[in-house]
Amino acid sequence: METAVLKHILVPINKAGWPFVGGALALSVAFALIWKPLAIVGLIIAAFCTYFFRDPERQTPVREGLVVSPADGHVSAVETAVPPAELNMGTEPMMRVSVFLSVFDVHVNRVPTAGKITELAYHHGAFLNAALDKASELNERMSVKMETNDGKEIAFVQIAGLIARRIICNLTLDQEVKTGERFGLIRFGSRTDIYLPDGIAPLVSVGQQMIGGETVIADLLSDETQRETEVR
């Protein structure tokens, strides 16, 4: 019991966060040399960076065909849209689920389903509020196309936000990936889009809270229609 509680409290920090935590602690020491109470400012920054870059383990559903959320956050849009041009997926609209991440969400991104990475494309762009519809087209982004184990194509996109200035993607072409594997991170507020194959209905609705690597967004083996939700 105690081990489970400690595991929940002592969440690992993603390696991308250590320079920020270390820098904030160094700043705290520097402030202390000037005036000791100032050290509190550095400690607060270090605490925030530790919280922001937390990287908890997730219980990923591994049944073939399930597509999980690539990020924590809330669903900001469920709509049809043309996938990013740089992925060469044509001009026909696909069903897109957008997940908006606030600075309080876990920002480690996870692979939505098992398969093979077939395209990677980085697009330089603006840093508009990631919650805006036009952010998918205008903002800086990293677009990924993959082929699932049963031959379907899906795409997922890391999109920089208003204060996000760094997208990290550790995927490589032809890489075989598993559902829920960590693949990158976005600093700080941001958004992820996922484009589903034709005929696949999303099983989530606008406003729902997502847990990256856990919440099922779609089922590639099901003919279930799009789900509706109610606030209760």
Protein backbone atom coordinates (compact mmCIF):
# COMPACT_ATOMS: atom_id res chain seq x y z
CA MET A 1 0.00 0.00 0.00
CA GLU A 2 2.76 2.45 0.97
CA THR A 3 4.69 1.61 -2.19
CA ALA A 4 1.64 2.35 -4.35
CA VAL A 5 1.12 5.72 -2.63
CA LEU A 6 4.77 6.69 -3.04
CA LYS A 7 4.69 5.63 -6.69
CA HIS A 8 1.71 7.95 -7.21
CA ILE A 9 3.41 10.89 -5.47
CA LEU A 10 6.99 10.44 -6.68
CA VAL A 11 6.32 10.68 -10.41
CA PRO A 12 9.43 10.44 -12.64
CA ILE A 13 10.59 13.53 -14.54
CA ASN A 14 11.08 13.32 -18.29
CA LYS A 15 14.74 13.75 -19.24
CA ALA A 16 13.88 16.86 -21.27
CA GLY A 17 12.98 18.57 -18.00
CA TRP A 18 16.20 18.07 -16.09
CA PRO A 19 18.00 21.09 -17.66
CA PHE A 20 15.09 23.30 -16.57
CA VAL A 21 14.97 21.90 -13.04
CA GLY A 22 18.76 22.15 -12.73
CA GLY A 23 18.79 25.68 -14.13
CA ALA A 24 16.08 26.80 -11.70
CA LEU A 25 18.00 25.33 -8.75
CA ALA A 26 21.18 27.07 -9.90
CA LEU A 27 19.18 30.29 -10.16
CA SER A 28 17.97 29.76 -6.63
CA VAL A 29 21.56 29.46 -5.38
CA ALA A 30 22.55 32.62 -7.28
CA PHE A 31 19.60 34.51 -5.81
CA ALA A 32 20.53 33.31 -2.31
CA LEU A 33 23.98 34.87 -2.72
CA ILE A 34 22.35 38.20 -3.49
CA TRP A 35 19.59 38.04 -0.88
CA LYS A 36 18.50 34.81 0.77
CA PRO A 37 14.72 35.36 0.52
CA LEU A 38 15.13 35.61 -3.27
CA ALA A 39 16.08 31.93 -3.31
CA ILE A 40 12.39 31.15 -2.88
CA VAL A 41 11.75 32.43 -6.42
CA GLY A 42 14.19 29.92 -7.88
CA LEU A 43 12.71 27.10 -5.78
CA ILE A 44 9.21 27.93 -7.00
CA ILE A 45 10.40 27.82 -10.62
CA ALA A 46 12.16 24.49 -9.96
CA ALA A 47 8.99 23.07 -8.39
CA PHE A 48 6.91 24.15 -11.39
CA CYS A 49 9.39 22.60 -13.85
CA THR A 50 9.36 19.37 -11.85
CA TYR A 51 5.57 19.34 -12.03
CA PHE A 52 5.40 20.29 -15.71
CA PHE A 53 7.89 17.66 -16.91
CA ARG A 54 6.39 14.82 -14.87
CA ASP A 55 6.25 11.56 -16.81
CA PRO A 56 3.90 9.06 -15.12
CA GLU A 57 3.46 5.47 -16.21
CA ARG A 58 0.22 4.64 -17.96
CA GLN A 59 -1.99 1.54 -18.22
CA THR A 60 -2.31 1.23 -22.00
CA PRO A 61 -5.02 -1.00 -23.53
CA VAL A 62 -3.15 -3.29 -25.91
CA ARG A 63 -5.96 -4.96 -27.85
CA GLU A 64 -5.33 -4.76 -31.62
CA GLY A 65 -7.18 -1.93 -33.34
CA LEU A 66 -7.55 0.43 -30.40
CA VAL A 67 -6.42 4.03 -30.89
CA VAL A 68 -5.53 5.88 -27.69
CA SER A 69 -5.10 9.57 -27.05
CA PRO A 70 -1.58 10.79 -27.88
CA ALA A 71 -1.76 13.37 -25.10
CA ASP A 72 -3.34 14.44 -21.84
CA GLY A 73 -5.80 17.34 -22.03
CA HIS A 74 -9.37 17.96 -23.09
CA VAL A 75 -10.96 17.33 -26.48
CA SER A 76 -11.30 20.76 -28.08
CA ALA A 77 -12.72 19.64 -31.43
CA VAL A 78 -14.12 16.60 -33.23
CA GLU A 79 -14.54 17.43 -36.91
CA THR A 80 -13.51 16.58 -40.45
CA ALA A 81 -10.42 18.30 -41.83
CA VAL A 82 -7.81 17.83 -44.55
CA PRO A 83 -4.62 16.34 -43.06
CA PRO A 84 -1.39 18.38 -43.21
CA ALA A 85 -0.23 18.79 -46.82
CA GLU A 86 3.32 17.75 -45.94
CA LEU A 87 2.12 14.20 -45.20
CA ASN A 88 0.91 13.65 -48.78
CA MET A 89 -2.37 12.08 -47.69
CA GLY A 90 -4.51 13.81 -50.32
CA THR A 91 -7.12 16.54 -50.05
CA GLU A 92 -10.07 14.50 -48.84
CA PRO A 93 -11.16 15.48 -45.30
CA MET A 94 -10.58 12.94 -42.55
CA MET A 95 -12.14 12.74 -39.10
CA ARG A 96 -9.91 14.73 -36.74
CA VAL A 97 -9.84 14.71 -32.94
CA SER A 98 -7.99 17.63 -31.34
CA VAL A 99 -6.67 17.48 -27.77
CA PHE A 100 -5.68 20.77 -26.10
CA LEU A 101 -3.01 20.68 -23.40
CA SER A 102 -2.86 23.40 -20.75
CA VAL A 103 0.32 24.06 -18.79
CA PHE A 104 -1.11 21.87 -16.02
CA ASP A 105 -1.41 18.73 -18.17
CA VAL A 106 1.26 16.06 -18.63
CA HIS A 107 3.05 17.04 -21.85
CA VAL A 108 4.70 13.72 -22.73
CA ASN A 109 3.19 12.44 -26.00
CA ARG A 110 2.40 8.80 -26.73
CA VAL A 111 1.94 6.73 -29.88
CA PRO A 112 -1.82 6.29 -30.54
CA THR A 113 -1.69 2.76 -32.00
CA ALA A 114 0.69 0.02 -33.08
CA GLY A 115 2.24 0.08 -36.53
CA LYS A 116 5.04 1.55 -38.63
CA ILE A 117 6.09 5.19 -39.05
CA THR A 118 5.95 6.06 -42.76
CA GLU A 119 6.31 9.86 -42.86
CA LEU A 120 7.76 12.60 -40.64
CA ALA A 121 7.51 16.29 -41.54
CA TYR A 122 8.36 19.41 -39.55
CA HIS A 123 6.55 22.63 -40.48
CA HIS A 124 7.79 26.03 -39.31
CA GLY A 125 4.93 28.35 -38.46
CA ALA A 126 3.28 30.73 -36.05
CA PHE A 127 2.65 30.38 -32.30
CA LEU A 128 -1.06 31.17 -32.07
CA ASN A 129 -3.24 29.97 -29.23
CA ALA A 130 -3.35 26.19 -29.80
CA ALA A 131 -7.06 26.13 -28.94
CA LEU A 132 -7.89 28.07 -32.13
CA ASP A 133 -9.09 26.11 -35.19
CA LYS A 134 -6.52 27.77 -37.46
CA ALA A 135 -3.67 26.60 -35.23
CA SER A 136 -3.74 23.24 -37.05
CA GLU A 137 -2.88 24.99 -40.31
CA LEU A 138 -0.77 27.98 -39.24
CA ASN A 139 1.17 26.93 -36.14
CA GLU A 140 4.56 25.29 -35.94
CA ARG A 141 4.05 21.54 -35.95
CA MET A 142 5.51 18.06 -36.27
CA SER A 143 3.36 15.78 -38.44
CA VAL A 144 3.56 11.99 -38.36
CA LYS A 145 1.98 9.45 -40.69
CA MET A 146 1.88 5.79 -39.81
CA GLU A 147 0.51 2.52 -41.13
CA THR A 148 -1.26 0.34 -38.63
CA ASN A 149 -0.67 -3.39 -38.38
CA ASP A 150 -3.77 -4.04 -40.50
CA GLY A 151 -2.73 -1.61 -43.25
CA LYS A 152 -4.74 1.51 -42.35
CA GLU A 153 -3.19 4.99 -42.46
CA ILE A 154 -3.56 7.46 -39.62
CA ALA A 155 -1.78 10.70 -38.82
CA PHE A 156 -1.02 12.54 -35.61
CA VAL A 157 0.39 16.02 -35.20
CA GLN A 158 2.20 17.86 -32.40
CA ILE A 159 1.25 21.54 -32.56
CA ALA A 160 3.07 24.34 -30.75
CA GLY A 161 0.94 26.82 -28.81
CA LEU A 162 1.00 30.42 -27.67
CA ILE A 163 3.89 29.92 -25.27
CA ALA A 164 5.22 26.64 -26.62
CA ARG A 165 8.53 27.05 -28.41
CA ARG A 166 9.91 23.54 -28.61
CA ILE A 167 8.53 20.34 -30.12
CA ILE A 168 10.42 17.13 -29.37
CA CYS A 169 9.74 14.06 -31.53
CA ASN A 170 11.95 10.99 -31.14
CA LEU A 171 10.39 8.91 -33.91
CA THR A 172 12.29 7.77 -37.03
CA LEU A 173 11.16 6.62 -40.46
CA ASP A 174 10.24 2.92 -40.72
CA GLN A 175 10.25 2.61 -36.94
CA GLU A 176 7.96 -0.08 -35.56
CA VAL A 177 5.98 1.34 -32.65
CA LYS A 178 3.62 0.03 -29.99
CA THR A 179 0.45 1.60 -28.67
CA GLY A 180 1.14 3.99 -25.80
CA GLU A 181 4.91 4.25 -26.26
CA ARG A 182 6.40 7.65 -25.43
CA PHE A 183 7.54 9.44 -28.55
CA GLY A 184 8.01 13.10 -27.66
CA LEU A 185 6.97 16.19 -25.77
CA ILE A 186 5.82 19.77 -26.37
CA ARG A 187 6.77 22.76 -24.20
CA PHE A 188 4.62 24.37 -22.74
CA GLY A 189 0.89 24.81 -23.66
CA SER A 190 0.11 22.98 -26.89
CA ARG A 191 -2.20 20.67 -28.85
CA THR A 192 -2.22 17.33 -30.62
CA ASP A 193 -4.41 16.34 -33.57
CA ILE A 194 -5.13 12.80 -34.68
CA TYR A 195 -6.62 11.95 -38.09
CA LEU A 196 -8.63 8.73 -38.31
CA PRO A 197 -9.09 6.47 -41.36
CA ASP A 198 -12.22 6.78 -43.48
CA GLY A 199 -15.24 5.14 -41.87
CA ILE A 200 -13.80 5.12 -38.34
CA ALA A 201 -15.90 7.09 -35.86
CA PRO A 202 -14.35 8.77 -32.80
CA LEU A 203 -15.54 7.44 -29.45
CA VAL A 204 -14.94 10.73 -27.62
CA SER A 205 -16.69 14.10 -27.58
CA VAL A 206 -15.73 17.75 -27.16
CA GLY A 207 -14.98 18.57 -23.53
CA GLN A 208 -13.92 15.09 -22.46
CA GLN A 209 -10.70 14.80 -20.49
CA MET A 210 -8.06 12.60 -22.10
CA ILE A 211 -5.30 10.58 -20.47
CA GLY A 212 -2.46 10.10 -22.91
CA GLY A 213 -1.72 6.46 -23.63
CA GLU A 214 -4.88 5.31 -21.83
CA THR A 215 -8.10 6.90 -23.10
CA VAL A 216 -9.45 5.10 -26.18
CA ILE A 217 -10.24 7.60 -28.97
CA ALA A 218 -11.33 5.09 -31.64
CA ASP A 219 -11.55 1.40 -32.47
CA LEU A 220 -10.32 0.47 -35.95
CA LEU A 221 -12.04 -2.91 -35.73
CA SER A 222 -15.47 -1.58 -34.77
CA ASP A 223 -18.33 -0.19 -36.83
CA GLU A 224 -19.74 1.72 -33.85
CA THR A 225 -21.06 5.17 -34.73
CA GLN A 226 -19.78 8.36 -33.15
CA ARG A 227 -20.59 8.50 -29.45
CA GLU A 228 -22.60 11.26 -27.82
CA THR A 229 -22.01 12.49 -24.28
CA GLU A 230 -23.90 14.52 -21.69
CA VAL A 231 -22.61 16.69 -18.87
CA ARG A 232 -23.75 15.12 -15.58
